[in-house]
PDB file of all heavy atoms in Angstrom:
ATOM      1  N   MET A   1       0.221  10.053 -48.570  1.00  0.00           N
ATOM      2  CA  MET A   1       0.262   9.703 -47.177  1.00  0.00           C
ATOM      3  C   MET A   1      -0.591  10.706 -46.399  1.00  0.00           C
ATOM      4  O   MET A   1      -0.538  11.897 -46.656  1.00  0.00           O
ATOM      5  CB  MET A   1       1.706   9.731 -46.672  1.00  0.00           C
ATOM      6  CG  MET A   1       1.778   9.167 -45.273  1.00  0.00           C
ATOM      7  SD  MET A   1       3.358   9.300 -44.452  1.00  0.00           S
ATOM      8  CE  MET A   1       4.383   8.193 -45.327  1.00  0.00           C
ATOM      9  N   THR A   2      -1.352  10.233 -45.419  1.00  0.00           N
ATOM     10  CA  THR A   2      -2.200  11.122 -44.641  1.00  0.00           C
ATOM     11  C   THR A   2      -1.504  11.551 -43.354  1.00  0.00           C
ATOM     12  O   THR A   2      -0.554  10.917 -42.904  1.00  0.00           O
ATOM     13  CB  THR A   2      -3.527  10.432 -44.260  1.00  0.00           C
ATOM     14  OG1 THR A   2      -3.236   9.398 -43.325  1.00  0.00           O
ATOM     15  CG2 THR A   2      -4.224   9.856 -45.471  1.00  0.00           C
ATOM     16  N   ALA A   3      -2.013  12.601 -42.775  1.00  0.00           N
ATOM     17  CA  ALA A   3      -1.446  13.121 -41.527  1.00  0.00           C
ATOM     18  C   ALA A   3      -2.010  12.403 -40.305  1.00  0.00           C
ATOM     19  O   ALA A   3      -1.585  12.636 -39.197  1.00  0.00           O
ATOM     20  CB  ALA A   3      -1.724  14.610 -41.422  1.00  0.00           C
ATOM     21  N   PHE A   4      -2.985  11.514 -40.537  1.00  0.00           N
ATOM     22  CA  PHE A   4      -3.627  10.819 -39.415  1.00  0.00           C
ATOM     23  C   PHE A   4      -2.974   9.466 -39.185  1.00  0.00           C
ATOM     24  O   PHE A   4      -2.732   8.718 -40.120  1.00  0.00           O
ATOM     25  CB  PHE A   4      -5.119  10.609 -39.685  1.00  0.00           C
ATOM     26  CG  PHE A   4      -5.866  11.901 -39.810  1.00  0.00           C
ATOM     27  CD1 PHE A   4      -6.232  12.384 -41.044  1.00  0.00           C
ATOM     28  CD2 PHE A   4      -6.182  12.636 -38.676  1.00  0.00           C
ATOM     29  CE1 PHE A   4      -6.922  13.577 -41.164  1.00  0.00           C
ATOM     30  CE2 PHE A   4      -6.862  13.829 -38.784  1.00  0.00           C
ATOM     31  CZ  PHE A   4      -7.243  14.307 -40.020  1.00  0.00           C
ATOM     32  N   ALA A   5      -2.700   9.164 -37.942  1.00  0.00           N
ATOM     33  CA  ALA A   5      -2.139   7.859 -37.592  1.00  0.00           C
ATOM     34  C   ALA A   5      -3.276   6.848 -37.493  1.00  0.00           C
ATOM     35  O   ALA A   5      -4.400   7.186 -37.156  1.00  0.00           O
ATOM     36  CB  ALA A   5      -1.404   7.955 -36.252  1.00  0.00           C
ATOM     37  N   ALA A   6      -2.957   5.628 -37.797  1.00  0.00           N
ATOM     38  CA  ALA A   6      -3.947   4.570 -37.672  1.00  0.00           C
ATOM     39  C   ALA A   6      -4.307   4.393 -36.200  1.00  0.00           C
ATOM     40  O   ALA A   6      -3.444   4.446 -35.325  1.00  0.00           O
ATOM     41  CB  ALA A   6      -3.400   3.265 -38.231  1.00  0.00           C
ATOM     42  N   ILE A   7      -5.573   4.214 -35.941  1.00  0.00           N
ATOM     43  CA  ILE A   7      -6.040   4.049 -34.567  1.00  0.00           C
ATOM     44  C   ILE A   7      -6.532   2.618 -34.391  1.00  0.00           C
ATOM     45  O   ILE A   7      -7.358   2.135 -35.151  1.00  0.00           O
ATOM     46  CB  ILE A   7      -7.185   5.028 -34.255  1.00  0.00           C
ATOM     47  CG1 ILE A   7      -6.678   6.458 -34.350  1.00  0.00           C
ATOM     48  CG2 ILE A   7      -7.763   4.756 -32.875  1.00  0.00           C
ATOM     49  CD1 ILE A   7      -7.768   7.497 -34.204  1.00  0.00           C
ATOM     50  N   ASP A   8      -5.995   1.964 -33.396  1.00  0.00           N
ATOM     51  CA  ASP A   8      -6.474   0.634 -33.038  1.00  0.00           C
ATOM     52  C   ASP A   8      -7.572   0.824 -31.996  1.00  0.00           C
ATOM     53  O   ASP A   8      -7.302   1.050 -30.824  1.00  0.00           O
ATOM     54  CB  ASP A   8      -5.326  -0.209 -32.473  1.00  0.00           C
ATOM     55  CG  ASP A   8      -5.764  -1.621 -32.122  1.00  0.00           C
ATOM     56  OD1 ASP A   8      -6.981  -1.910 -32.164  1.00  0.00           O
ATOM     57  OD2 ASP A   8      -4.892  -2.430 -31.785  1.00  0.00           O
ATOM     58  N   HIS A   9      -8.815   0.762 -32.411  1.00  0.00           N
ATOM     59  CA  HIS A   9      -9.938   1.038 -31.520  1.00  0.00           C
ATOM     60  C   HIS A   9     -10.031   0.021 -30.390  1.00  0.00           C
ATOM     61  O   HIS A   9     -10.530   0.340 -29.322  1.00  0.00           O
ATOM     62  CB  HIS A   9     -11.249   1.088 -32.311  1.00  0.00           C
ATOM     63  CG  HIS A   9     -11.303   2.247 -33.230  1.00  0.00           C
ATOM     64  ND1 HIS A   9     -11.474   3.531 -32.788  1.00  0.00           N
ATOM     65  CD2 HIS A   9     -11.172   2.330 -34.580  1.00  0.00           C
ATOM     66  CE1 HIS A   9     -11.465   4.351 -33.812  1.00  0.00           C
ATOM     67  NE2 HIS A   9     -11.289   3.655 -34.914  1.00  0.00           N
ATOM     68  N   HIS A  10      -9.569  -1.174 -30.602  1.00  0.00           N
ATOM     69  CA  HIS A  10      -9.620  -2.181 -29.551  1.00  0.00           C
ATOM     70  C   HIS A  10      -8.637  -1.854 -28.439  1.00  0.00           C
ATOM     71  O   HIS A  10      -8.929  -2.029 -27.274  1.00  0.00           O
ATOM     72  CB  HIS A  10      -9.358  -3.578 -30.110  1.00  0.00           C
ATOM     73  CG  HIS A  10     -10.418  -4.016 -31.061  1.00  0.00           C
ATOM     74  ND1 HIS A  10     -11.666  -4.370 -30.646  1.00  0.00           N
ATOM     75  CD2 HIS A  10     -10.414  -4.119 -32.407  1.00  0.00           C
ATOM     76  CE1 HIS A  10     -12.400  -4.694 -31.692  1.00  0.00           C
ATOM     77  NE2 HIS A  10     -11.665  -4.541 -32.788  1.00  0.00           N
ATOM     78  N   GLN A  11      -7.478  -1.368 -28.790  1.00  0.00           N
ATOM     79  CA  GLN A  11      -6.482  -1.001 -27.789  1.00  0.00           C
ATOM     80  C   GLN A  11      -6.917   0.239 -27.021  1.00  0.00           C
ATOM     81  O   GLN A  11      -6.774   0.309 -25.828  1.00  0.00           O
ATOM     82  CB  GLN A  11      -5.118  -0.747 -28.439  1.00  0.00           C
ATOM     83  CG  GLN A  11      -4.388  -2.003 -28.817  1.00  0.00           C
ATOM     84  CD  GLN A  11      -3.870  -2.764 -27.613  1.00  0.00           C
ATOM     85  OE1 GLN A  11      -4.598  -3.097 -26.692  1.00  0.00           O
ATOM     86  NE2 GLN A  11      -2.590  -3.048 -27.640  1.00  0.00           N
ATOM     87  N   SER A  12      -7.431   1.229 -27.704  1.00  0.00           N
ATOM     88  CA  SER A  12      -7.784   2.480 -27.042  1.00  0.00           C
ATOM     89  C   SER A  12      -9.029   2.337 -26.169  1.00  0.00           C
ATOM     90  O   SER A  12      -9.273   3.173 -25.315  1.00  0.00           O
ATOM     91  CB  SER A  12      -7.987   3.581 -28.071  1.00  0.00           C
ATOM     92  OG  SER A  12      -9.060   3.261 -28.927  1.00  0.00           O
ATOM     93  N   ALA A  13      -9.805   1.288 -26.369  1.00  0.00           N
ATOM     94  CA  ALA A  13     -11.032   1.104 -25.609  1.00  0.00           C
ATOM     95  C   ALA A  13     -10.826   0.326 -24.314  1.00  0.00           C
ATOM     96  O   ALA A  13     -11.745   0.204 -23.527  1.00  0.00           O
ATOM     97  CB  ALA A  13     -12.062   0.380 -26.466  1.00  0.00           C
ATOM     98  N   LYS A  14      -9.631  -0.168 -24.069  1.00  0.00           N
ATOM     99  CA  LYS A  14      -9.387  -0.943 -22.857  1.00  0.00           C
ATOM    100  C   LYS A  14      -9.413  -0.042 -21.629  1.00  0.00           C
ATOM    101  O   LYS A  14      -8.757   0.994 -21.591  1.00  0.00           O
ATOM    102  CB  LYS A  14      -8.043  -1.665 -22.935  1.00  0.00           C
ATOM    103  CG  LYS A  14      -8.058  -2.835 -23.868  1.00  0.00           C
ATOM    104  CD  LYS A  14      -6.759  -3.582 -23.798  1.00  0.00           C
ATOM    105  CE  LYS A  14      -6.804  -4.770 -24.740  1.00  0.00           C
ATOM    106  NZ  LYS A  14      -5.545  -5.501 -24.729  1.00  0.00           N
ATOM    107  N   ALA A  15     -10.168  -0.472 -20.632  1.00  0.00           N
ATOM    108  CA  ALA A  15     -10.265   0.289 -19.395  1.00  0.00           C
ATOM    109  C   ALA A  15      -9.098  -0.046 -18.471  1.00  0.00           C
ATOM    110  O   ALA A  15      -8.552  -1.147 -18.520  1.00  0.00           O
ATOM    111  CB  ALA A  15     -11.577  -0.040 -18.703  1.00  0.00           C
ATOM    112  N   ASP A  16      -8.744   0.896 -17.648  1.00  0.00           N
ATOM    113  CA  ASP A  16      -7.723   0.690 -16.640  1.00  0.00           C
ATOM    114  C   ASP A  16      -8.236  -0.349 -15.634  1.00  0.00           C
ATOM    115  O   ASP A  16      -9.306  -0.157 -15.045  1.00  0.00           O
ATOM    116  CB  ASP A  16      -7.427   2.015 -15.947  1.00  0.00           C
ATOM    117  CG  ASP A  16      -6.461   1.886 -14.797  1.00  0.00           C
ATOM    118  OD1 ASP A  16      -5.745   0.868 -14.710  1.00  0.00           O
ATOM    119  OD2 ASP A  16      -6.408   2.825 -13.979  1.00  0.00           O
ATOM    120  N   PRO A  17      -7.515  -1.448 -15.427  1.00  0.00           N
ATOM    121  CA  PRO A  17      -7.992  -2.506 -14.526  1.00  0.00           C
ATOM    122  C   PRO A  17      -8.248  -2.015 -13.102  1.00  0.00           C
ATOM    123  O   PRO A  17      -9.169  -2.495 -12.437  1.00  0.00           O
ATOM    124  CB  PRO A  17      -6.870  -3.541 -14.538  1.00  0.00           C
ATOM    125  CG  PRO A  17      -5.998  -3.203 -15.677  1.00  0.00           C
ATOM    126  CD  PRO A  17      -6.244  -1.782 -16.041  1.00  0.00           C
ATOM    127  N   LEU A  18      -7.479  -1.069 -12.634  1.00  0.00           N
ATOM    128  CA  LEU A  18      -7.682  -0.553 -11.287  1.00  0.00           C
ATOM    129  C   LEU A  18      -8.978   0.255 -11.204  1.00  0.00           C
ATOM    130  O   LEU A  18      -9.701   0.184 -10.202  1.00  0.00           O
ATOM    131  CB  LEU A  18      -6.487   0.307 -10.867  1.00  0.00           C
ATOM    132  CG  LEU A  18      -6.244   0.431  -9.376  1.00  0.00           C
ATOM    133  CD1 LEU A  18      -6.099  -0.920  -8.707  1.00  0.00           C
ATOM    134  CD2 LEU A  18      -5.019   1.266  -9.110  1.00  0.00           C
ATOM    135  N   GLU A  19      -9.315   0.979 -12.259  1.00  0.00           N
ATOM    136  CA  GLU A  19     -10.572   1.729 -12.283  1.00  0.00           C
ATOM    137  C   GLU A  19     -11.774   0.792 -12.387  1.00  0.00           C
ATOM    138  O   GLU A  19     -12.826   1.061 -11.814  1.00  0.00           O
ATOM    139  CB  GLU A  19     -10.577   2.751 -13.413  1.00  0.00           C
ATOM    140  CG  GLU A  19      -9.618   3.897 -13.170  1.00  0.00           C
ATOM    141  CD  GLU A  19      -9.842   4.586 -11.830  1.00  0.00           C
ATOM    142  OE1 GLU A  19     -10.995   4.915 -11.490  1.00  0.00           O
ATOM    143  OE2 GLU A  19      -8.856   4.789 -11.107  1.00  0.00           O
ATOM    144  N   VAL A  20     -11.616  -0.292 -13.102  1.00  0.00           N
ATOM    145  CA  VAL A  20     -12.679  -1.295 -13.178  1.00  0.00           C
ATOM    146  C   VAL A  20     -12.903  -1.897 -11.797  1.00  0.00           C
ATOM    147  O   VAL A  20     -14.044  -2.061 -11.347  1.00  0.00           O
ATOM    148  CB  VAL A  20     -12.344  -2.394 -14.217  1.00  0.00           C
ATOM    149  CG1 VAL A  20     -13.332  -3.536 -14.140  1.00  0.00           C
ATOM    150  CG2 VAL A  20     -12.303  -1.796 -15.612  1.00  0.00           C
ATOM    151  N   PHE A  21     -11.814  -2.213 -11.101  1.00  0.00           N
ATOM    152  CA  PHE A  21     -11.930  -2.758  -9.747  1.00  0.00           C
ATOM    153  C   PHE A  21     -12.597  -1.743  -8.820  1.00  0.00           C
ATOM    154  O   PHE A  21     -13.445  -2.100  -8.007  1.00  0.00           O
ATOM    155  CB  PHE A  21     -10.548  -3.157  -9.202  1.00  0.00           C
ATOM    156  CG  PHE A  21     -10.619  -3.768  -7.833  1.00  0.00           C
ATOM    157  CD1 PHE A  21     -11.041  -5.075  -7.671  1.00  0.00           C
ATOM    158  CD2 PHE A  21     -10.295  -3.021  -6.716  1.00  0.00           C
ATOM    159  CE1 PHE A  21     -11.133  -5.632  -6.404  1.00  0.00           C
ATOM    160  CE2 PHE A  21     -10.379  -3.569  -5.448  1.00  0.00           C
ATOM    161  CZ  PHE A  21     -10.795  -4.883  -5.290  1.00  0.00           C
ATOM    162  N   ARG A  22     -12.228  -0.482  -8.955  1.00  0.00           N
ATOM    163  CA  ARG A  22     -12.830   0.567  -8.124  1.00  0.00           C
ATOM    164  C   ARG A  22     -14.347   0.632  -8.362  1.00  0.00           C
ATOM    165  O   ARG A  22     -15.132   0.735  -7.418  1.00  0.00           O
ATOM    166  CB  ARG A  22     -12.186   1.915  -8.450  1.00  0.00           C
ATOM    167  CG  ARG A  22     -12.563   3.030  -7.515  1.00  0.00           C
ATOM    168  CD  ARG A  22     -11.891   4.353  -7.897  1.00  0.00           C
ATOM    169  NE  ARG A  22     -10.476   4.249  -8.179  1.00  0.00           N
ATOM    170  CZ  ARG A  22      -9.505   4.247  -7.264  1.00  0.00           C
ATOM    171  NH1 ARG A  22      -9.816   4.333  -5.990  1.00  0.00           N
ATOM    172  NH2 ARG A  22      -8.237   4.167  -7.620  1.00  0.00           N
ATOM    173  N   ALA A  23     -14.770   0.533  -9.599  1.00  0.00           N
ATOM    174  CA  ALA A  23     -16.205   0.555  -9.924  1.00  0.00           C
ATOM    175  C   ALA A  23     -16.909  -0.672  -9.357  1.00  0.00           C
ATOM    176  O   ALA A  23     -18.036  -0.575  -8.856  1.00  0.00           O
ATOM    177  CB  ALA A  23     -16.400   0.634 -11.436  1.00  0.00           C
ATOM    178  N   ARG A  24     -16.248  -1.813  -9.439  1.00  0.00           N
ATOM    179  CA  ARG A  24     -16.821  -3.039  -8.863  1.00  0.00           C
ATOM    180  C   ARG A  24     -16.994  -2.911  -7.360  1.00  0.00           C
ATOM    181  O   ARG A  24     -18.019  -3.307  -6.801  1.00  0.00           O
ATOM    182  CB  ARG A  24     -15.904  -4.238  -9.119  1.00  0.00           C
ATOM    183  CG  ARG A  24     -16.157  -4.971 -10.375  1.00  0.00           C
ATOM    184  CD  ARG A  24     -15.217  -6.135 -10.488  1.00  0.00           C
ATOM    185  NE  ARG A  24     -15.833  -7.344  -9.989  1.00  0.00           N
ATOM    186  CZ  ARG A  24     -15.261  -8.522 -10.034  1.00  0.00           C
ATOM    187  NH1 ARG A  24     -14.047  -8.651 -10.519  1.00  0.00           N
ATOM    188  NH2 ARG A  24     -15.876  -9.580  -9.597  1.00  0.00           N
ATOM    189  N   ALA A  25     -15.971  -2.381  -6.699  1.00  0.00           N
ATOM    190  CA  ALA A  25     -16.032  -2.210  -5.252  1.00  0.00           C
ATOM    191  C   ALA A  25     -17.164  -1.261  -4.866  1.00  0.00           C
ATOM    192  O   ALA A  25     -17.899  -1.510  -3.898  1.00  0.00           O
ATOM    193  CB  ALA A  25     -14.698  -1.705  -4.720  1.00  0.00           C
ATOM    194  N   GLU A  26     -17.315  -0.207  -5.618  1.00  0.00           N
ATOM    195  CA  GLU A  26     -18.377   0.765  -5.352  1.00  0.00           C
ATOM    196  C   GLU A  26     -19.761   0.111  -5.515  1.00  0.00           C
ATOM    197  O   GLU A  26     -20.643   0.296  -4.679  1.00  0.00           O
ATOM    198  CB  GLU A  26     -18.236   1.948  -6.309  1.00  0.00           C
ATOM    199  CG  GLU A  26     -19.158   3.090  -6.035  1.00  0.00           C
ATOM    200  CD  GLU A  26     -18.761   3.930  -4.834  1.00  0.00           C
ATOM    201  OE1 GLU A  26     -17.588   3.920  -4.440  1.00  0.00           O
ATOM    202  OE2 GLU A  26     -19.650   4.605  -4.282  1.00  0.00           O
ATOM    203  N   ALA A  27     -19.931  -0.645  -6.581  1.00  0.00           N
ATOM    204  CA  ALA A  27     -21.213  -1.317  -6.819  1.00  0.00           C
ATOM    205  C   ALA A  27     -21.509  -2.345  -5.736  1.00  0.00           C
ATOM    206  O   ALA A  27     -22.641  -2.432  -5.238  1.00  0.00           O
ATOM    207  CB  ALA A  27     -21.197  -1.985  -8.195  1.00  0.00           C
ATOM    208  N   ARG A  28     -20.497  -3.098  -5.350  1.00  0.00           N
ATOM    209  CA  ARG A  28     -20.683  -4.103  -4.293  1.00  0.00           C
ATOM    210  C   ARG A  28     -21.000  -3.443  -2.955  1.00  0.00           C
ATOM    211  O   ARG A  28     -21.804  -3.944  -2.177  1.00  0.00           O
ATOM    212  CB  ARG A  28     -19.448  -4.985  -4.163  1.00  0.00           C
ATOM    213  CG  ARG A  28     -19.118  -5.811  -5.382  1.00  0.00           C
ATOM    214  CD  ARG A  28     -20.125  -6.920  -5.564  1.00  0.00           C
ATOM    215  NE  ARG A  28     -19.856  -7.665  -6.763  1.00  0.00           N
ATOM    216  CZ  ARG A  28     -19.719  -8.986  -6.796  1.00  0.00           C
ATOM    217  NH1 ARG A  28     -19.829  -9.696  -5.705  1.00  0.00           N
ATOM    218  NH2 ARG A  28     -19.487  -9.585  -7.941  1.00  0.00           N
ATOM    219  N   ALA A  29     -20.369  -2.314  -2.677  1.00  0.00           N
ATOM    220  CA  ALA A  29     -20.642  -1.603  -1.428  1.00  0.00           C
ATOM    221  C   ALA A  29     -22.104  -1.154  -1.369  1.00  0.00           C
ATOM    222  O   ALA A  29     -22.741  -1.208  -0.314  1.00  0.00           O
ATOM    223  CB  ALA A  29     -19.710  -0.409  -1.294  1.00  0.00           C
ATOM    224  N   GLN A  30     -22.634  -0.746  -2.499  1.00  0.00           N
ATOM    225  CA  GLN A  30     -24.044  -0.349  -2.547  1.00  0.00           C
ATOM    226  C   GLN A  30     -24.952  -1.540  -2.257  1.00  0.00           C
ATOM    227  O   GLN A  30     -25.955  -1.402  -1.552  1.00  0.00           O
ATOM    228  CB  GLN A  30     -24.378   0.238  -3.912  1.00  0.00           C
ATOM    229  CG  GLN A  30     -23.750   1.589  -4.142  1.00  0.00           C
ATOM    230  CD  GLN A  30     -24.084   2.142  -5.510  1.00  0.00           C
ATOM    231  OE1 GLN A  30     -25.227   2.024  -5.965  1.00  0.00           O
ATOM    232  NE2 GLN A  30     -23.110   2.738  -6.177  1.00  0.00           N
ATOM    233  N   LEU A  31     -24.598  -2.704  -2.781  1.00  0.00           N
ATOM    234  CA  LEU A  31     -25.397  -3.906  -2.515  1.00  0.00           C
ATOM    235  C   LEU A  31     -25.379  -4.258  -1.036  1.00  0.00           C
ATOM    236  O   LEU A  31     -26.408  -4.634  -0.461  1.00  0.00           O
ATOM    237  CB  LEU A  31     -24.883  -5.076  -3.353  1.00  0.00           C
ATOM    238  CG  LEU A  31     -25.101  -4.956  -4.858  1.00  0.00           C
ATOM    239  CD1 LEU A  31     -24.384  -6.089  -5.594  1.00  0.00           C
ATOM    240  CD2 LEU A  31     -26.583  -4.960  -5.197  1.00  0.00           C
ATOM    241  N   VAL A  32     -24.224  -4.130  -0.406  1.00  0.00           N
ATOM    242  CA  VAL A  32     -24.118  -4.385   1.032  1.00  0.00           C
ATOM    243  C   VAL A  32     -24.949  -3.363   1.807  1.00  0.00           C
ATOM    244  O   VAL A  32     -25.698  -3.717   2.725  1.00  0.00           O
ATOM    245  CB  VAL A  32     -22.645  -4.366   1.493  1.00  0.00           C
ATOM    246  CG1 VAL A  32     -22.549  -4.424   3.017  1.00  0.00           C
ATOM    247  CG2 VAL A  32     -21.875  -5.532   0.882  1.00  0.00           C
ATOM    248  N   ALA A  33     -24.836  -2.106   1.442  1.00  0.00           N
ATOM    249  CA  ALA A  33     -25.559  -1.040   2.133  1.00  0.00           C
ATOM    250  C   ALA A  33     -27.075  -1.236   2.071  1.00  0.00           C
ATOM    251  O   ALA A  33     -27.788  -0.863   2.994  1.00  0.00           O
ATOM    252  CB  ALA A  33     -25.187   0.317   1.538  1.00  0.00           C
ATOM    253  N   HIS A  34     -27.542  -1.842   0.994  1.00  0.00           N
ATOM    254  CA  HIS A  34     -28.978  -2.076   0.834  1.00  0.00           C
ATOM    255  C   HIS A  34     -29.412  -3.451   1.326  1.00  0.00           C
ATOM    256  O   HIS A  34     -30.542  -3.876   1.089  1.00  0.00           O
ATOM    257  CB  HIS A  34     -29.379  -1.865  -0.628  1.00  0.00           C
ATOM    258  CG  HIS A  34     -29.332  -0.437  -1.025  1.00  0.00           C
ATOM    259  ND1 HIS A  34     -28.210   0.151  -1.575  1.00  0.00           N
ATOM    260  CD2 HIS A  34     -30.247   0.555  -0.905  1.00  0.00           C
ATOM    261  CE1 HIS A  34     -28.444   1.428  -1.803  1.00  0.00           C
ATOM    262  NE2 HIS A  34     -29.671   1.703  -1.400  1.00  0.00           N
ATOM    263  N   GLY A  35     -28.506  -4.159   1.991  1.00  0.00           N
ATOM    264  CA  GLY A  35     -28.842  -5.445   2.595  1.00  0.00           C
ATOM    265  C   GLY A  35     -28.962  -6.604   1.618  1.00  0.00           C
ATOM    266  O   GLY A  35     -29.536  -7.638   1.940  1.00  0.00           O
ATOM    267  N   LEU A  36     -28.416  -6.458   0.413  1.00  0.00           N
ATOM    268  CA  LEU A  36     -28.541  -7.496  -0.598  1.00  0.00           C
ATOM    269  C   LEU A  36     -27.350  -8.457  -0.614  1.00  0.00           C
ATOM    270  O   LEU A  36     -27.430  -9.521  -1.218  1.00  0.00           O
ATOM    271  CB  LEU A  36     -28.721  -6.860  -1.978  1.00  0.00           C
ATOM    272  CG  LEU A  36     -29.963  -5.969  -2.095  1.00  0.00           C
ATOM    273  CD1 LEU A  36     -29.964  -5.218  -3.407  1.00  0.00           C
ATOM    274  CD2 LEU A  36     -31.222  -6.805  -1.938  1.00  0.00           C
ATOM    275  N   HIS A  37     -26.254  -8.065   0.024  1.00  0.00           N
ATOM    276  CA  HIS A  37     -25.065  -8.921   0.140  1.00  0.00           C
ATOM    277  C   HIS A  37     -24.508  -8.753   1.546  1.00  0.00           C
ATOM    278  O   HIS A  37     -24.677  -7.699   2.161  1.00  0.00           O
ATOM    279  CB  HIS A  37     -23.984  -8.498  -0.863  1.00  0.00           C
ATOM    280  CG  HIS A  37     -24.221  -8.950  -2.257  1.00  0.00           C
ATOM    281  ND1 HIS A  37     -23.391  -9.805  -2.909  1.00  0.00           N
ATOM    282  CD2 HIS A  37     -25.212  -8.659  -3.140  1.00  0.00           C
ATOM    283  CE1 HIS A  37     -23.843 -10.011  -4.144  1.00  0.00           C
ATOM    284  NE2 HIS A  37     -24.949  -9.318  -4.297  1.00  0.00           N
ATOM    285  N   SER A  38     -23.804  -9.771   2.015  1.00  0.00           N
ATOM    286  CA  SER A  38     -23.151  -9.633   3.313  1.00  0.00           C
ATOM    287  C   SER A  38     -21.795  -8.963   3.118  1.00  0.00           C
ATOM    288  O   SER A  38     -21.141  -9.134   2.080  1.00  0.00           O
ATOM    289  CB  SER A  38     -22.965 -10.999   3.980  1.00  0.00           C
ATOM    290  OG  SER A  38     -21.897 -11.707   3.391  1.00  0.00           O
ATOM    291  N   LEU A  39     -21.378  -8.208   4.109  1.00  0.00           N
ATOM    292  CA  LEU A  39     -20.114  -7.485   4.031  1.00  0.00           C
ATOM    293  C   LEU A  39     -18.944  -8.453   3.869  1.00  0.00           C
ATOM    294  O   LEU A  39     -18.099  -8.278   2.990  1.00  0.00           O
ATOM    295  CB  LEU A  39     -19.921  -6.614   5.267  1.00  0.00           C
ATOM    296  CG  LEU A  39     -18.604  -5.859   5.357  1.00  0.00           C
ATOM    297  CD1 LEU A  39     -18.447  -4.902   4.185  1.00  0.00           C
ATOM    298  CD2 LEU A  39     -18.515  -5.117   6.685  1.00  0.00           C
ATOM    299  N   GLN A  40     -18.881  -9.485   4.697  1.00  0.00           N
ATOM    300  CA  GLN A  40     -17.742 -10.406   4.666  1.00  0.00           C
ATOM    301  C   GLN A  40     -17.636 -11.132   3.324  1.00  0.00           C
ATOM    302  O   GLN A  40     -16.550 -11.222   2.748  1.00  0.00           O
ATOM    303  CB  GLN A  40     -17.833 -11.427   5.803  1.00  0.00           C
ATOM    304  CG  GLN A  40     -16.582 -12.261   5.949  1.00  0.00           C
ATOM    305  CD  GLN A  40     -15.351 -11.414   6.273  1.00  0.00           C
ATOM    306  OE1 GLN A  40     -15.373 -10.619   7.205  1.00  0.00           O
ATOM    307  NE2 GLN A  40     -14.297 -11.562   5.499  1.00  0.00           N
ATOM    308  N   ASP A  41     -18.754 -11.630   2.821  1.00  0.00           N
ATOM    309  CA  ASP A  41     -18.722 -12.326   1.528  1.00  0.00           C
ATOM    310  C   ASP A  41     -18.305 -11.384   0.402  1.00  0.00           C
ATOM    311  O   ASP A  41     -17.559 -11.763  -0.502  1.00  0.00           O
ATOM    312  CB  ASP A  41     -20.093 -12.929   1.196  1.00  0.00           C
ATOM    313  CG  ASP A  41     -20.431 -14.137   2.046  1.00  0.00           C
ATOM    314  OD1 ASP A  41     -19.504 -14.720   2.670  1.00  0.00           O
ATOM    315  OD2 ASP A  41     -21.623 -14.504   2.102  1.00  0.00           O
ATOM    316  N   THR A  42     -18.764 -10.161   0.470  1.00  0.00           N
ATOM    317  CA  THR A  42     -18.450  -9.186  -0.569  1.00  0.00           C
ATOM    318  C   THR A  42     -16.973  -8.824  -0.563  1.00  0.00           C
ATOM    319  O   THR A  42     -16.324  -8.787  -1.615  1.00  0.00           O
ATOM    320  CB  THR A  42     -19.318  -7.927  -0.396  1.00  0.00           C
ATOM    321  OG1 THR A  42     -20.682  -8.311  -0.516  1.00  0.00           O
ATOM    322  CG2 THR A  42     -18.989  -6.879  -1.426  1.00  0.00           C
TER     323      THR A  42
END
């Protein structure tokens, strides 16, 4: 028996949904700031 636990790489690679949303909001804000999207639609 080994001292290492099995690692489920698919589970450990999942991003926090709130952090993903935060990144999306940041990217969209940049598009608005550069005049590529409207604020209300975004």
